[in-house]
């Protein structure tokens, strides 16, 4: 399943409009409709009741919306957690002789300290 479809589904549910969701996401209305149909096919349920140009979430749509919100939240949490792991942590050990440590290393250590 494409996660973009869940984002689209959430927007359609938010606005109760395929057209408005498309405008907000920068998609054509037909693309939004196609994505929702693909979700409906994947889950084997109807997500929106459609009548006279208006739409409303079905009970299956309400349930999927809860899951979609949780999934998007977990994805955001994972991105945040993993991006924090790219920061350095821990200790740095350097082995060298005294003359190198006293003469060559100080500017490198200062630059390292400022950066990290």
N, C-alpha and C. Protein backbone atom coordinates (compact mmCIF):
# COMPACT_ATOMS: atom_id res chain seq x y z
N UNK A 1 0.84 -1.18 0.00
CA UNK A 1 0.00 0.00 0.00
C UNK A 1 0.89 1.24 0.00
N UNK A 2 0.48 2.23 -0.72
CA UNK A 2 1.18 3.49 -0.81
C UNK A 2 0.71 4.39 0.34
N UNK A 3 1.65 4.87 1.14
CA UNK A 3 1.28 5.74 2.28
C UNK A 3 0.66 7.05 1.81
N UNK A 4 0.99 7.47 0.59
CA UNK A 4 0.38 8.69 0.07
C UNK A 4 -1.14 8.55 -0.01
N UNK A 5 -1.60 7.33 -0.25
CA UNK A 5 -3.05 7.10 -0.32
C UNK A 5 -3.70 7.39 1.03
N UNK A 6 -3.01 7.04 2.11
CA UNK A 6 -3.56 7.33 3.44
C UNK A 6 -3.59 8.83 3.70
N UNK A 7 -2.56 9.53 3.26
CA UNK A 7 -2.57 11.00 3.40
C UNK A 7 -3.74 11.60 2.62
N UNK A 8 -3.93 11.10 1.42
CA UNK A 8 -5.05 11.58 0.60
C UNK A 8 -6.37 11.26 1.27
N UNK A 9 -6.51 10.04 1.76
CA UNK A 9 -7.73 9.63 2.46
C UNK A 9 -8.02 10.55 3.64
N UNK A 10 -7.00 10.87 4.41
CA UNK A 10 -7.18 11.76 5.57
C UNK A 10 -7.66 13.15 5.13
N UNK A 11 -7.10 13.65 4.03
CA UNK A 11 -7.52 14.97 3.54
C UNK A 11 -8.97 14.94 3.05
N UNK A 12 -9.33 13.89 2.34
CA UNK A 12 -10.72 13.78 1.86
C UNK A 12 -11.66 13.73 3.07
N UNK A 13 -11.29 12.95 4.08
CA UNK A 13 -12.13 12.86 5.28
C UNK A 13 -12.19 14.20 6.01
N UNK A 14 -11.09 14.91 6.01
CA UNK A 14 -11.04 16.22 6.69
C UNK A 14 -11.97 17.22 6.03
N UNK A 15 -11.95 17.27 4.71
CA UNK A 15 -12.71 18.27 3.97
C UNK A 15 -14.06 17.77 3.47
N UNK A 16 -14.30 16.45 3.57
CA UNK A 16 -15.52 15.86 3.00
C UNK A 16 -15.69 16.27 1.54
N UNK A 17 -14.55 16.28 0.85
CA UNK A 17 -14.57 16.71 -0.54
C UNK A 17 -13.33 16.18 -1.26
N UNK A 18 -13.56 15.49 -2.37
CA UNK A 18 -12.45 15.02 -3.19
C UNK A 18 -11.75 16.21 -3.85
N UNK A 19 -12.54 17.18 -4.29
CA UNK A 19 -11.99 18.35 -4.98
C UNK A 19 -11.13 19.18 -4.05
N UNK A 20 -11.64 19.48 -2.86
CA UNK A 20 -10.89 20.30 -1.89
C UNK A 20 -9.62 19.57 -1.45
N UNK A 21 -9.72 18.26 -1.23
CA UNK A 21 -8.53 17.48 -0.85
C UNK A 21 -7.49 17.55 -1.97
N UNK A 22 -7.94 17.44 -3.20
CA UNK A 22 -7.03 17.55 -4.33
C UNK A 22 -6.35 18.90 -4.39
N UNK A 23 -7.10 19.95 -4.15
CA UNK A 23 -6.54 21.30 -4.15
C UNK A 23 -5.48 21.44 -3.05
N UNK A 24 -5.77 20.92 -1.88
CA UNK A 24 -4.86 21.04 -0.75
C UNK A 24 -3.58 20.23 -0.96
N UNK A 25 -3.70 19.11 -1.66
CA UNK A 25 -2.55 18.23 -1.88
C UNK A 25 -1.84 18.50 -3.20
N UNK A 26 -2.45 19.31 -4.04
CA UNK A 26 -1.86 19.59 -5.35
C UNK A 26 -2.11 18.48 -6.36
N UNK A 27 -3.20 17.73 -6.16
CA UNK A 27 -3.57 16.65 -7.07
C UNK A 27 -4.82 17.04 -7.85
N UNK A 28 -4.99 16.43 -9.00
CA UNK A 28 -6.25 16.57 -9.72
C UNK A 28 -7.31 15.76 -8.98
N UNK A 29 -8.55 16.19 -9.08
CA UNK A 29 -9.64 15.48 -8.40
C UNK A 29 -9.71 14.04 -8.85
N UNK A 30 -9.43 13.78 -10.11
CA UNK A 30 -9.47 12.41 -10.63
C UNK A 30 -8.39 11.53 -9.97
N UNK A 31 -7.26 12.12 -9.66
CA UNK A 31 -6.19 11.38 -8.98
C UNK A 31 -6.61 11.02 -7.56
N UNK A 32 -7.27 11.94 -6.89
CA UNK A 32 -7.77 11.68 -5.54
C UNK A 32 -8.79 10.55 -5.58
N UNK A 33 -9.70 10.62 -6.53
CA UNK A 33 -10.71 9.57 -6.67
C UNK A 33 -10.07 8.21 -6.91
N UNK A 34 -9.06 8.17 -7.77
CA UNK A 34 -8.36 6.93 -8.07
C UNK A 34 -7.69 6.36 -6.83
N UNK A 35 -7.04 7.22 -6.05
CA UNK A 35 -6.37 6.76 -4.83
C UNK A 35 -7.36 6.18 -3.83
N UNK A 36 -8.50 6.83 -3.68
CA UNK A 36 -9.52 6.35 -2.74
C UNK A 36 -10.08 5.01 -3.24
N UNK A 37 -10.31 4.91 -4.54
CA UNK A 37 -10.80 3.64 -5.09
C UNK A 37 -9.79 2.52 -4.86
N UNK A 38 -8.51 2.81 -4.99
CA UNK A 38 -7.49 1.79 -4.75
C UNK A 38 -7.49 1.36 -3.28
N UNK A 39 -7.67 2.30 -2.37
CA UNK A 39 -7.79 1.93 -0.96
C UNK A 39 -9.02 1.06 -0.73
N UNK A 40 -10.13 1.43 -1.33
CA UNK A 40 -11.36 0.65 -1.17
C UNK A 40 -11.16 -0.77 -1.72
N UNK A 41 -10.47 -0.88 -2.84
CA UNK A 41 -10.20 -2.21 -3.41
C UNK A 41 -9.28 -3.02 -2.50
N UNK A 42 -8.27 -2.35 -1.98
CA UNK A 42 -7.31 -3.05 -1.12
C UNK A 42 -7.97 -3.60 0.14
N UNK A 43 -8.84 -2.81 0.74
CA UNK A 43 -9.48 -3.22 1.99
C UNK A 43 -10.81 -3.95 1.75
N UNK A 44 -11.32 -3.86 0.55
CA UNK A 44 -12.57 -4.53 0.24
C UNK A 44 -13.79 -3.92 0.90
N UNK A 45 -13.74 -2.62 1.13
CA UNK A 45 -14.86 -1.90 1.76
C UNK A 45 -15.09 -0.58 1.05
N UNK A 46 -16.24 -0.02 1.25
CA UNK A 46 -16.55 1.33 0.76
C UNK A 46 -16.20 2.30 1.88
N UNK A 47 -15.39 3.30 1.58
CA UNK A 47 -14.93 4.23 2.60
C UNK A 47 -15.79 5.48 2.71
N UNK A 48 -16.43 5.85 1.61
CA UNK A 48 -17.27 7.05 1.59
C UNK A 48 -18.62 6.74 0.98
N UNK A 49 -19.66 7.27 1.60
CA UNK A 49 -20.98 7.26 0.98
C UNK A 49 -21.02 8.46 0.06
N UNK A 50 -21.44 8.24 -1.17
CA UNK A 50 -21.49 9.33 -2.15
C UNK A 50 -22.92 9.51 -2.60
N UNK A 51 -23.41 10.72 -2.52
CA UNK A 51 -24.74 11.03 -3.03
C UNK A 51 -24.83 12.50 -3.36
N UNK A 52 -25.29 12.77 -4.54
CA UNK A 52 -25.52 14.15 -4.99
C UNK A 52 -24.35 15.08 -4.82
N UNK A 53 -23.16 14.65 -5.10
CA UNK A 53 -21.99 15.53 -4.99
C UNK A 53 -21.48 15.68 -3.57
N UNK A 54 -22.12 15.02 -2.62
CA UNK A 54 -21.67 15.10 -1.23
C UNK A 54 -21.11 13.74 -0.83
N UNK A 55 -20.21 13.76 0.14
CA UNK A 55 -19.66 12.51 0.62
C UNK A 55 -19.65 12.50 2.14
N UNK A 56 -19.65 11.29 2.68
CA UNK A 56 -19.60 11.11 4.13
C UNK A 56 -18.89 9.79 4.40
N UNK A 57 -18.06 9.75 5.43
CA UNK A 57 -17.38 8.52 5.79
C UNK A 57 -18.38 7.43 6.18
N UNK A 58 -18.12 6.22 5.71
CA UNK A 58 -18.90 5.08 6.18
C UNK A 58 -18.31 4.64 7.52
N UNK A 59 -18.91 3.64 8.14
CA UNK A 59 -18.35 3.15 9.41
C UNK A 59 -16.95 2.57 9.16
N UNK A 60 -16.76 1.91 8.03
CA UNK A 60 -15.43 1.39 7.68
C UNK A 60 -14.45 2.56 7.47
N UNK A 61 -14.94 3.63 6.87
CA UNK A 61 -14.10 4.81 6.67
C UNK A 61 -13.69 5.45 7.97
N UNK A 62 -14.61 5.50 8.92
CA UNK A 62 -14.30 6.06 10.24
C UNK A 62 -13.21 5.21 10.91
N UNK A 63 -13.36 3.89 10.80
CA UNK A 63 -12.38 2.98 11.40
C UNK A 63 -11.02 3.13 10.73
N UNK A 64 -11.00 3.19 9.39
CA UNK A 64 -9.73 3.35 8.70
C UNK A 64 -9.09 4.69 9.03
N UNK A 65 -9.89 5.72 9.21
CA UNK A 65 -9.34 7.03 9.55
C UNK A 65 -8.59 6.97 10.88
N UNK A 66 -9.13 6.23 11.84
CA UNK A 66 -8.43 6.07 13.12
C UNK A 66 -7.08 5.39 12.91
N UNK A 67 -7.08 4.31 12.12
CA UNK A 67 -5.82 3.62 11.83
C UNK A 67 -4.86 4.50 11.04
N UNK A 68 -5.39 5.22 10.07
CA UNK A 68 -4.54 6.09 9.24
C UNK A 68 -3.87 7.15 10.11
N UNK A 69 -4.61 7.72 11.04
CA UNK A 69 -4.03 8.72 11.94
C UNK A 69 -2.92 8.11 12.78
N UNK A 70 -3.14 6.89 13.28
CA UNK A 70 -2.11 6.21 14.07
C UNK A 70 -0.88 5.89 13.22
N UNK A 71 -1.11 5.42 12.01
CA UNK A 71 0.00 5.06 11.12
C UNK A 71 0.84 6.28 10.80
N UNK A 72 0.19 7.38 10.43
CA UNK A 72 0.91 8.61 10.09
C UNK A 72 1.66 9.12 11.32
N UNK A 73 1.04 9.03 12.48
CA UNK A 73 1.70 9.45 13.71
C UNK A 73 2.94 8.60 13.99
N UNK A 74 2.82 7.30 13.81
CA UNK A 74 3.96 6.41 14.03
C UNK A 74 5.08 6.66 13.02
N UNK A 75 4.72 6.94 11.79
CA UNK A 75 5.73 7.25 10.76
C UNK A 75 6.47 8.53 11.15
N UNK A 76 5.72 9.55 11.58
CA UNK A 76 6.34 10.81 12.00
C UNK A 76 7.26 10.59 13.21
N UNK A 77 6.79 9.76 14.15
CA UNK A 77 7.59 9.45 15.33
C UNK A 77 8.87 8.72 14.94
N UNK A 78 8.77 7.78 14.03
CA UNK A 78 9.94 7.04 13.57
C UNK A 78 10.94 7.97 12.88
N UNK A 79 10.44 8.85 12.03
CA UNK A 79 11.32 9.80 11.35
C UNK A 79 12.06 10.66 12.36
N UNK A 80 11.32 11.14 13.36
CA UNK A 80 11.93 11.99 14.40
C UNK A 80 12.99 11.21 15.18
N UNK A 81 12.65 10.00 15.58
CA UNK A 81 13.58 9.18 16.36
C UNK A 81 14.83 8.85 15.57
N UNK A 82 14.65 8.48 14.32
CA UNK A 82 15.81 8.11 13.50
C UNK A 82 16.66 9.31 13.15
N UNK A 83 16.05 10.47 12.97
CA UNK A 83 16.85 11.66 12.66
C UNK A 83 17.66 12.08 13.88
N UNK A 84 17.16 11.80 15.08
CA UNK A 84 17.91 12.12 16.30
C UNK A 84 19.12 11.21 16.44
N UNK A 85 19.05 10.01 15.88
CA UNK A 85 20.15 9.07 15.98
C UNK A 85 21.34 9.48 15.14
N UNK A 86 21.13 10.39 14.19
CA UNK A 86 22.23 10.83 13.36
C UNK A 86 23.14 11.80 14.11
N UNK A 87 22.67 12.29 15.25
CA UNK A 87 23.51 13.16 16.06
C UNK A 87 24.51 12.31 16.83
N UNK A 88 25.70 12.84 17.02
CA UNK A 88 26.72 12.10 17.73
C UNK A 88 26.43 12.07 19.23
N UNK A 89 26.77 10.97 19.83
CA UNK A 89 26.61 10.84 21.27
C UNK A 89 27.70 9.90 21.77
N UNK A 90 28.08 10.06 23.00
CA UNK A 90 29.07 9.16 23.57
C UNK A 90 30.40 9.87 23.77
N UNK A 91 31.43 9.08 23.89
CA UNK A 91 32.75 9.64 24.14
C UNK A 91 33.66 9.42 22.94
N UNK A 92 34.69 10.22 22.87
CA UNK A 92 35.67 10.15 21.79
C UNK A 92 37.02 9.84 22.41
N UNK A 93 37.66 8.80 21.93
CA UNK A 93 38.99 8.43 22.41
C UNK A 93 39.98 8.58 21.27
N UNK A 94 41.09 9.25 21.56
CA UNK A 94 42.13 9.46 20.56
C UNK A 94 43.46 8.97 21.15
N UNK A 95 44.13 8.15 20.40
CA UNK A 95 45.45 7.69 20.83
C UNK A 95 46.52 8.35 19.98
N UNK A 96 47.46 9.02 20.63
CA UNK A 96 48.53 9.70 19.90
C UNK A 96 49.72 9.91 20.82
N UNK A 97 50.80 10.38 20.25
CA UNK A 97 51.95 10.71 21.08
C UNK A 97 51.80 12.15 21.56
N UNK A 98 52.49 12.48 22.63
CA UNK A 98 52.31 13.77 23.30
C UNK A 98 52.61 14.97 22.40
N UNK A 99 53.63 14.90 21.58
CA UNK A 99 53.97 16.04 20.73
C UNK A 99 52.88 16.33 19.70
N UNK A 100 52.29 15.29 19.15
CA UNK A 100 51.20 15.47 18.19
C UNK A 100 49.98 16.02 18.92
N UNK A 101 49.68 15.46 20.09
CA UNK A 101 48.52 15.90 20.86
C UNK A 101 48.63 17.37 21.24
N UNK A 102 49.80 17.81 21.59
CA UNK A 102 49.99 19.20 22.03
C UNK A 102 50.06 20.20 20.90
N UNK A 103 50.50 19.77 19.71
CA UNK A 103 50.73 20.72 18.63
C UNK A 103 49.67 20.65 17.54
N UNK A 104 49.33 19.46 17.07
CA UNK A 104 48.45 19.31 15.91
C UNK A 104 46.96 19.19 16.26
N UNK A 105 46.65 18.55 17.35
CA UNK A 105 45.25 18.24 17.64
C UNK A 105 44.37 19.40 18.12
N UNK A 106 44.89 20.38 18.88
CA UNK A 106 43.99 21.41 19.43
C UNK A 106 43.05 22.08 18.43
N UNK A 107 43.48 22.52 17.25
CA UNK A 107 42.51 23.16 16.35
C UNK A 107 41.43 22.19 15.86
N UNK A 108 41.81 20.93 15.66
CA UNK A 108 40.83 19.92 15.23
C UNK A 108 39.83 19.62 16.34
N UNK A 109 40.32 19.53 17.55
CA UNK A 109 39.43 19.25 18.69
C UNK A 109 38.48 20.43 18.94
N UNK A 110 38.98 21.65 18.79
CA UNK A 110 38.11 22.83 18.96
C UNK A 110 37.03 22.86 17.89
N UNK A 111 37.41 22.57 16.66
CA UNK A 111 36.42 22.56 15.57
C UNK A 111 35.39 21.46 15.80
N UNK A 112 35.84 20.29 16.25
CA UNK A 112 34.94 19.18 16.55
C UNK A 112 33.97 19.57 17.67
N UNK A 113 34.48 20.19 18.70
CA UNK A 113 33.67 20.59 19.86
C UNK A 113 32.62 21.61 19.44
N UNK A 114 32.99 22.57 18.61
CA UNK A 114 32.04 23.57 18.16
C UNK A 114 30.95 22.97 17.28
N UNK A 115 31.35 22.04 16.44
CA UNK A 115 30.39 21.44 15.51
C UNK A 115 29.43 20.49 16.22
N UNK A 116 29.95 19.74 17.20
CA UNK A 116 29.14 18.72 17.84
C UNK A 116 28.89 19.03 19.31
